[in-house]
Amino acid sequence: MKYLPESKTLFTGSYDGRICSWDINTGIAKVVQGNGHTNQVSGLATTRTSVISCGMDDTVRTFGLDDLTFG
């Protein structure tokens, strides 16, 4: 789980590899699209423009904060 206080956005990773972006103000979640993880998400980190995730599928993935799509 990773929280971005400036945008009031929470990112969560699931056992099935799915990552969601939650708008804290509305409670609405968006699923990150594209070729993500095939197994449990074990860590999330952020930069100013992207999120970096690592999974138990032995991969590291990134996606942009603006489009929520794995690159």
PDB file of N, CA and C in Angstrom:
ATOM      1  N   MET A   1       0.839  -1.159   0.000  1.00  0.00           N
ATOM      2  CA  MET A   1       0.000   0.000   0.000  1.00  0.00           C
ATOM      3  C   MET A   1       0.900   1.243   0.000  1.00  0.00           C
ATOM      4  N   LYS A   2       0.469   2.242  -0.774  1.00  0.00           N
ATOM      5  CA  LYS A   2       1.217   3.506  -0.845  1.00  0.00           C
ATOM      6  C   LYS A   2       0.216   4.645  -0.937  1.00  0.00           C
ATOM      7  N   TYR A   3       0.393   5.665  -0.092  1.00  0.00           N
ATOM      8  CA  TYR A   3      -0.511   6.816  -0.058  1.00  0.00           C
ATOM      9  C   TYR A   3       0.218   8.057  -0.549  1.00  0.00           C
ATOM     10  N   LEU A   4      -0.445   8.814  -1.437  1.00  0.00           N
ATOM     11  CA  LEU A   4       0.082  10.080  -1.932  1.00  0.00           C
ATOM     12  C   LEU A   4      -0.780  11.201  -1.355  1.00  0.00           C
ATOM     13  N   PRO A   5      -0.322  11.851  -0.288  1.00  0.00           N
ATOM     14  CA  PRO A   5      -1.154  12.853   0.385  1.00  0.00           C
ATOM     15  C   PRO A   5      -1.488  14.061  -0.478  1.00  0.00           C
ATOM     16  N   GLU A   6      -0.594  14.467  -1.374  1.00  0.00           N
ATOM     17  CA  GLU A   6      -0.856  15.643  -2.196  1.00  0.00           C
ATOM     18  C   GLU A   6      -2.045  15.463  -3.142  1.00  0.00           C
ATOM     19  N   SER A   7      -2.276  14.236  -3.604  1.00  0.00           N
ATOM     20  CA  SER A   7      -3.414  13.972  -4.485  1.00  0.00           C
ATOM     21  C   SER A   7      -4.516  13.167  -3.782  1.00  0.00           C
ATOM     22  N   LYS A   8      -4.288  12.834  -2.519  1.00  0.00           N
ATOM     23  CA  LYS A   8      -5.236  12.029  -1.736  1.00  0.00           C
ATOM     24  C   LYS A   8      -5.603  10.745  -2.474  1.00  0.00           C
ATOM     25  N   THR A   9      -4.543  10.056  -2.940  1.00  0.00           N
ATOM     26  CA  THR A   9      -4.702   8.804  -3.682  1.00  0.00           C
ATOM     27  C   THR A   9      -3.992   7.684  -2.936  1.00  0.00           C
ATOM     28  N   LEU A  10      -4.660   6.542  -2.835  1.00  0.00           N
ATOM     29  CA  LEU A  10      -4.095   5.359  -2.201  1.00  0.00           C
ATOM     30  C   LEU A  10      -3.951   4.272  -3.251  1.00  0.00           C
ATOM     31  N   PHE A  11      -2.782   3.666  -3.317  1.00  0.00           N
ATOM     32  CA  PHE A  11      -2.538   2.542  -4.229  1.00  0.00           C
ATOM     33  C   PHE A  11      -2.454   1.263  -3.410  1.00  0.00           C
ATOM     34  N   THR A  12      -3.181   0.245  -3.858  1.00  0.00           N
ATOM     35  CA  THR A  12      -3.141  -1.046  -3.181  1.00  0.00           C
ATOM     36  C   THR A  12      -2.787  -2.137  -4.182  1.00  0.00           C
ATOM     37  N   GLY A  13      -2.066  -3.141  -3.706  1.00  0.00           N
ATOM     38  CA  GLY A  13      -1.716  -4.298  -4.516  1.00  0.00           C
ATOM     39  C   GLY A  13      -2.358  -5.533  -3.922  1.00  0.00           C
ATOM     40  N   SER A  14      -2.755  -6.469  -4.783  1.00  0.00           N
ATOM     41  CA  SER A  14      -3.512  -7.636  -4.359  1.00  0.00           C
ATOM     42  C   SER A  14      -2.718  -8.935  -4.551  1.00  0.00           C
ATOM     43  N   TYR A  15      -3.274 -10.005  -3.987  1.00  0.00           N
ATOM     44  CA  TYR A  15      -2.668 -11.325  -4.112  1.00  0.00           C
ATOM     45  C   TYR A  15      -2.669 -11.833  -5.555  1.00  0.00           C
ATOM     46  N   ASP A  16      -3.585 -11.295  -6.378  1.00  0.00           N
ATOM     47  CA  ASP A  16      -3.702 -11.767  -7.761  1.00  0.00           C
ATOM     48  C   ASP A  16      -2.952 -10.887  -8.765  1.00  0.00           C
ATOM     49  N   GLY A  17      -2.172  -9.933  -8.268  1.00  0.00           N
ATOM     50  CA  GLY A  17      -1.366  -9.085  -9.138  1.00  0.00           C
ATOM     51  C   GLY A  17      -2.019  -7.774  -9.517  1.00  0.00           C
ATOM     52  N   ARG A  18      -3.257  -7.580  -9.125  1.00  0.00           N
ATOM     53  CA  ARG A  18      -3.990  -6.359  -9.470  1.00  0.00           C
ATOM     54  C   ARG A  18      -3.554  -5.191  -8.584  1.00  0.00           C
ATOM     55  N   ILE A  19      -3.436  -4.019  -9.193  1.00  0.00           N
ATOM     56  CA  ILE A  19      -3.155  -2.791  -8.455  1.00  0.00           C
ATOM     57  C   ILE A  19      -4.308  -1.827  -8.703  1.00  0.00           C
ATOM     58  N   CYS A  20      -4.803  -1.226  -7.621  1.00  0.00           N
ATOM     59  CA  CYS A  20      -5.895  -0.258  -7.720  1.00  0.00           C
ATOM     60  C   CYS A  20      -5.435   1.097  -7.207  1.00  0.00           C
ATOM     61  N   SER A  21      -5.989   2.131  -7.827  1.00  0.00           N
ATOM     62  CA  SER A  21      -5.777   3.520  -7.422  1.00  0.00           C
ATOM     63  C   SER A  21      -7.082   4.010  -6.816  1.00  0.00           C
ATOM     64  N   TRP A  22      -7.056   4.369  -5.532  1.00  0.00           N
ATOM     65  CA  TRP A  22      -8.254   4.782  -4.804  1.00  0.00           C
ATOM     66  C   TRP A  22      -8.255   6.282  -4.597  1.00  0.00           C
ATOM     67  N   ASP A  23      -9.355   6.936  -4.975  1.00  0.00           N
ATOM     68  CA  ASP A  23      -9.555   8.351  -4.681  1.00  0.00           C
ATOM     69  C   ASP A  23     -10.153   8.426  -3.278  1.00  0.00           C
ATOM     70  N   ILE A  24      -9.402   8.948  -2.327  1.00  0.00           N
ATOM     71  CA  ILE A  24      -9.829   8.982  -0.930  1.00  0.00           C
ATOM     72  C   ILE A  24     -11.074   9.851  -0.742  1.00  0.00           C
ATOM     73  N   ASN A  25     -11.215  10.913  -1.518  1.00  0.00           N
ATOM     74  CA  ASN A  25     -12.366  11.803  -1.380  1.00  0.00           C
ATOM     75  C   ASN A  25     -13.675  11.140  -1.779  1.00  0.00           C
ATOM     76  N   THR A  26     -13.645  10.316  -2.826  1.00  0.00           N
ATOM     77  CA  THR A  26     -14.875   9.723  -3.342  1.00  0.00           C
ATOM     78  C   THR A  26     -15.029   8.242  -2.987  1.00  0.00           C
ATOM     79  N   GLY A  27     -13.913   7.568  -2.678  1.00  0.00           N
ATOM     80  CA  GLY A  27     -13.948   6.133  -2.410  1.00  0.00           C
ATOM     81  C   GLY A  27     -13.987   5.285  -3.668  1.00  0.00           C
ATOM     82  N   ILE A  28     -13.778   5.913  -4.816  1.00  0.00           N
ATOM     83  CA  ILE A  28     -13.822   5.204  -6.098  1.00  0.00           C
ATOM     84  C   ILE A  28     -12.428   4.681  -6.448  1.00  0.00           C
ATOM     85  N   ALA A  29     -12.387   3.427  -6.898  1.00  0.00           N
ATOM     86  CA  ALA A  29     -11.122   2.800  -7.290  1.00  0.00           C
ATOM     87  C   ALA A  29     -11.068   2.599  -8.796  1.00  0.00           C
ATOM     88  N   LYS A  30      -9.862   2.727  -9.338  1.00  0.00           N
ATOM     89  CA  LYS A  30      -9.598   2.415 -10.741  1.00  0.00           C
ATOM     90  C   LYS A  30      -8.520   1.350 -10.765  1.00  0.00           C
ATOM     91  N   VAL A  31      -8.723   0.324 -11.590  1.00  0.00           N
ATOM     92  CA  VAL A  31      -7.734  -0.742 -11.741  1.00  0.00           C
ATOM     93  C   VAL A  31      -6.685  -0.287 -12.742  1.00  0.00           C
ATOM     94  N   VAL A  32      -5.410  -0.483 -12.404  1.00  0.00           N
ATOM     95  CA  VAL A  32      -4.323  -0.158 -13.321  1.00  0.00           C
ATOM     96  C   VAL A  32      -4.381  -1.158 -14.484  1.00  0.00           C
ATOM     97  N   GLN A  33      -4.331  -0.652 -15.699  1.00  0.00           N
ATOM     98  CA  GLN A  33      -4.487  -1.455 -16.913  1.00  0.00           C
ATOM     99  C   GLN A  33      -3.136  -1.905 -17.477  1.00  0.00           C
ATOM    100  N   GLY A  34      -3.169  -2.851 -18.388  1.00  0.00           N
ATOM    101  CA  GLY A  34      -1.956  -3.303 -19.076  1.00  0.00           C
ATOM    102  C   GLY A  34      -1.398  -4.589 -18.509  1.00  0.00           C
ATOM    103  N   ASN A  35      -0.174  -4.920 -18.935  1.00  0.00           N
ATOM    104  CA  ASN A  35       0.490  -6.150 -18.511  1.00  0.00           C
ATOM    105  C   ASN A  35       1.127  -5.962 -17.144  1.00  0.00           C
ATOM    106  N   GLY A  36       0.383  -6.292 -16.125  1.00  0.00           N
ATOM    107  CA  GLY A  36       0.862  -6.160 -14.750  1.00  0.00           C
ATOM    108  C   GLY A  36       1.488  -7.440 -14.250  1.00  0.00           C
ATOM    109  N   HIS A  37       1.334  -7.662 -12.967  1.00  0.00           N
ATOM    110  CA  HIS A  37       1.915  -8.835 -12.321  1.00  0.00           C
ATOM    111  C   HIS A  37       1.008 -10.053 -12.486  1.00  0.00           C
ATOM    112  N   THR A  38       1.624 -11.224 -12.480  1.00  0.00           N
ATOM    113  CA  THR A  38       0.877 -12.473 -12.578  1.00  0.00           C
ATOM    114  C   THR A  38       0.735 -13.157 -11.231  1.00  0.00           C
ATOM    115  N   ASN A  39       1.237 -12.514 -10.189  1.00  0.00           N
ATOM    116  CA  ASN A  39       1.185 -13.060  -8.842  1.00  0.00           C
ATOM    117  C   ASN A  39       1.110 -11.892  -7.861  1.00  0.00           C
ATOM    118  N   GLN A  40       1.144 -12.182  -6.597  1.00  0.00           N
ATOM    119  CA  GLN A  40       0.976 -11.193  -5.533  1.00  0.00           C
ATOM    120  C   GLN A  40       1.904  -9.989  -5.668  1.00  0.00           C
ATOM    121  N   VAL A  41       1.345  -8.804  -5.475  1.00  0.00           N
ATOM    122  CA  VAL A  41       2.131  -7.566  -5.432  1.00  0.00           C
ATOM    123  C   VAL A  41       2.730  -7.467  -4.032  1.00  0.00           C
ATOM    124  N   SER A  42       4.038  -7.338  -3.956  1.00  0.00           N
ATOM    125  CA  SER A  42       4.686  -7.333  -2.638  1.00  0.00           C
ATOM    126  C   SER A  42       5.231  -5.970  -2.230  1.00  0.00           C
ATOM    127  N   GLY A  43       5.271  -5.005  -3.138  1.00  0.00           N
ATOM    128  CA  GLY A  43       5.758  -3.683  -2.753  1.00  0.00           C
ATOM    129  C   GLY A  43       5.406  -2.617  -3.769  1.00  0.00           C
ATOM    130  N   LEU A  44       5.222  -1.387  -3.272  1.00  0.00           N
ATOM    131  CA  LEU A  44       4.924  -0.239  -4.114  1.00  0.00           C
ATOM    132  C   LEU A  44       5.784   0.938  -3.674  1.00  0.00           C
ATOM    133  N   ALA A  45       6.264   1.697  -4.641  1.00  0.00           N
ATOM    134  CA  ALA A  45       7.014   2.928  -4.379  1.00  0.00           C
ATOM    135  C   ALA A  45       6.568   3.948  -5.419  1.00  0.00           C
ATOM    136  N   THR A  46       6.758   5.234  -5.114  1.00  0.00           N
ATOM    137  CA  THR A  46       6.323   6.268  -6.050  1.00  0.00           C
ATOM    138  C   THR A  46       7.440   7.257  -6.348  1.00  0.00           C
ATOM    139  N   THR A  47       7.332   7.844  -7.526  1.00  0.00           N
ATOM    140  CA  THR A  47       8.141   9.001  -7.891  1.00  0.00           C
ATOM    141  C   THR A  47       7.144  10.127  -8.133  1.00  0.00           C
ATOM    142  N   ARG A  48       7.588  11.239  -8.644  1.00  0.00           N
ATOM    143  CA  ARG A  48       6.658  12.343  -8.921  1.00  0.00           C
ATOM    144  C   ARG A  48       5.673  12.024 -10.043  1.00  0.00           C
ATOM    145  N   THR A  49       6.056  11.120 -10.933  1.00  0.00           N
ATOM    146  CA  THR A  49       5.210  10.855 -12.106  1.00  0.00           C
ATOM    147  C   THR A  49       4.793   9.401 -12.285  1.00  0.00           C
ATOM    148  N   SER A  50       5.308   8.497 -11.461  1.00  0.00           N
ATOM    149  CA  SER A  50       4.995   7.081 -11.686  1.00  0.00           C
ATOM    150  C   SER A  50       4.970   6.282 -10.388  1.00  0.00           C
ATOM    151  N   VAL A  51       4.461   5.056 -10.518  1.00  0.00           N
ATOM    152  CA  VAL A  51       4.464   4.086  -9.427  1.00  0.00           C
ATOM    153  C   VAL A  51       5.303   2.897  -9.880  1.00  0.00           C
ATOM    154  N   ILE A  52       6.125   2.399  -8.997  1.00  0.00           N
ATOM    155  CA  ILE A  52       6.970   1.235  -9.255  1.00  0.00           C
ATOM    156  C   ILE A  52       6.447   0.118  -8.359  1.00  0.00           C
ATOM    157  N   SER A  53       6.225  -1.051  -8.947  1.00  0.00           N
ATOM    158  CA  SER A  53       5.718  -2.180  -8.166  1.00  0.00           C
ATOM    159  C   SER A  53       6.618  -3.384  -8.359  1.00  0.00           C
ATOM    160  N   CYS A  54       6.688  -4.212  -7.320  1.00  0.00           N
ATOM    161  CA  CYS A  54       7.395  -5.488  -7.442  1.00  0.00           C
ATOM    162  C   CYS A  54       6.424  -6.581  -7.019  1.00  0.00           C
ATOM    163  N   GLY A  55       6.585  -7.730  -7.638  1.00  0.00           N
ATOM    164  CA  GLY A  55       5.659  -8.822  -7.380  1.00  0.00           C
ATOM    165  C   GLY A  55       6.375 -10.120  -7.099  1.00  0.00           C
ATOM    166  N   MET A  56       5.609 -11.055  -6.579  1.00  0.00           N
ATOM    167  CA  MET A  56       6.147 -12.377  -6.295  1.00  0.00           C
ATOM    168  C   MET A  56       6.324 -13.197  -7.566  1.00  0.00           C
ATOM    169  N   ASP A  57       6.051 -12.569  -8.713  1.00  0.00           N
ATOM    170  CA  ASP A  57       6.339 -13.198 -10.002  1.00  0.00           C
ATOM    171  C   ASP A  57       7.743 -12.821 -10.484  1.00  0.00           C
ATOM    172  N   ASP A  58       8.546 -12.247  -9.571  1.00  0.00           N
ATOM    173  CA  ASP A  58       9.937 -11.871  -9.845  1.00  0.00           C
ATOM    174  C   ASP A  58      10.062 -10.803 -10.920  1.00  0.00           C
ATOM    175  N   THR A  59       9.103  -9.855 -10.955  1.00  0.00           N
ATOM    176  CA  THR A  59       9.173  -8.756 -11.900  1.00  0.00           C
ATOM    177  C   THR A  59       8.994  -7.421 -11.181  1.00  0.00           C
ATOM    178  N   VAL A  60       9.508  -6.389 -11.812  1.00  0.00           N
ATOM    179  CA  VAL A  60       9.297  -5.009 -11.387  1.00  0.00           C
ATOM    180  C   VAL A  60       8.585  -4.316 -12.538  1.00  0.00           C
ATOM    181  N   ARG A  61       7.505  -3.623 -12.226  1.00  0.00           N
ATOM    182  CA  ARG A  61       6.708  -2.938 -13.247  1.00  0.00           C
ATOM    183  C   ARG A  61       6.549  -1.471 -12.867  1.00  0.00           C
ATOM    184  N   THR A  62       6.284  -0.637 -13.860  1.00  0.00           N
ATOM    185  CA  THR A  62       6.010   0.778 -13.595  1.00  0.00           C
ATOM    186  C   THR A  62       4.779   1.211 -14.395  1.00  0.00           C
ATOM    187  N   PHE A  63       4.101   2.215 -13.844  1.00  0.00           N
ATOM    188  CA  PHE A  63       2.996   2.831 -14.567  1.00  0.00           C
ATOM    189  C   PHE A  63       2.921   4.299 -14.194  1.00  0.00           C
ATOM    190  N   GLY A  64       2.414   5.092 -15.114  1.00  0.00           N
ATOM    191  CA  GLY A  64       2.323   6.527 -14.919  1.00  0.00           C
ATOM    192  C   GLY A  64       1.137   6.919 -14.062  1.00  0.00           C
ATOM    193  N   LEU A  65       1.309   7.949 -13.245  1.00  0.00           N
ATOM    194  CA  LEU A  65       0.229   8.456 -12.428  1.00  0.00           C
ATOM    195  C   LEU A  65      -0.876   9.097 -13.258  1.00  0.00           C
ATOM    196  N   ASP A  66      -0.524   9.554 -14.449  1.00  0.00           N
ATOM    197  CA  ASP A  66      -1.501  10.249 -15.285  1.00  0.00           C
ATOM    198  C   ASP A  66      -2.413   9.304 -16.068  1.00  0.00           C
ATOM    199  N   ASP A  67      -1.908   8.131 -16.478  1.00  0.00           N
ATOM    200  CA  ASP A  67      -2.739   7.252 -17.308  1.00  0.00           C
ATOM    201  C   ASP A  67      -3.079   5.902 -16.663  1.00  0.00           C
ATOM    202  N   LEU A  68      -2.426   5.562 -15.545  1.00  0.00           N
ATOM    203  CA  LEU A  68      -2.679   4.298 -14.826  1.00  0.00           C
ATOM    204  C   LEU A  68      -2.624   3.088 -15.744  1.00  0.00           C
ATOM    205  N   THR A  69      -1.574   3.050 -16.563  1.00  0.00           N
ATOM    206  CA  THR A  69      -1.361   1.917 -17.471  1.00  0.00           C
ATOM    207  C   THR A  69       0.095   1.483 -17.373  1.00  0.00           C
ATOM    208  N   PHE A  70       0.297   0.169 -17.192  1.00  0.00           N
ATOM    209  CA  PHE A  70       1.665  -0.341 -17.133  1.00  0.00           C
ATOM    210  C   PHE A  70       2.379  -0.045 -18.431  1.00  0.00           C
ATOM    211  N   GLY A  71       3.646   0.394 -18.331  1.00  0.00           N
ATOM    212  CA  GLY A  71       4.427   0.752 -19.507  1.00  0.00           C
ATOM    213  C   GLY A  71       5.188  -0.385 -20.098  1.00  0.00           C
TER     214      GLY A  71
END
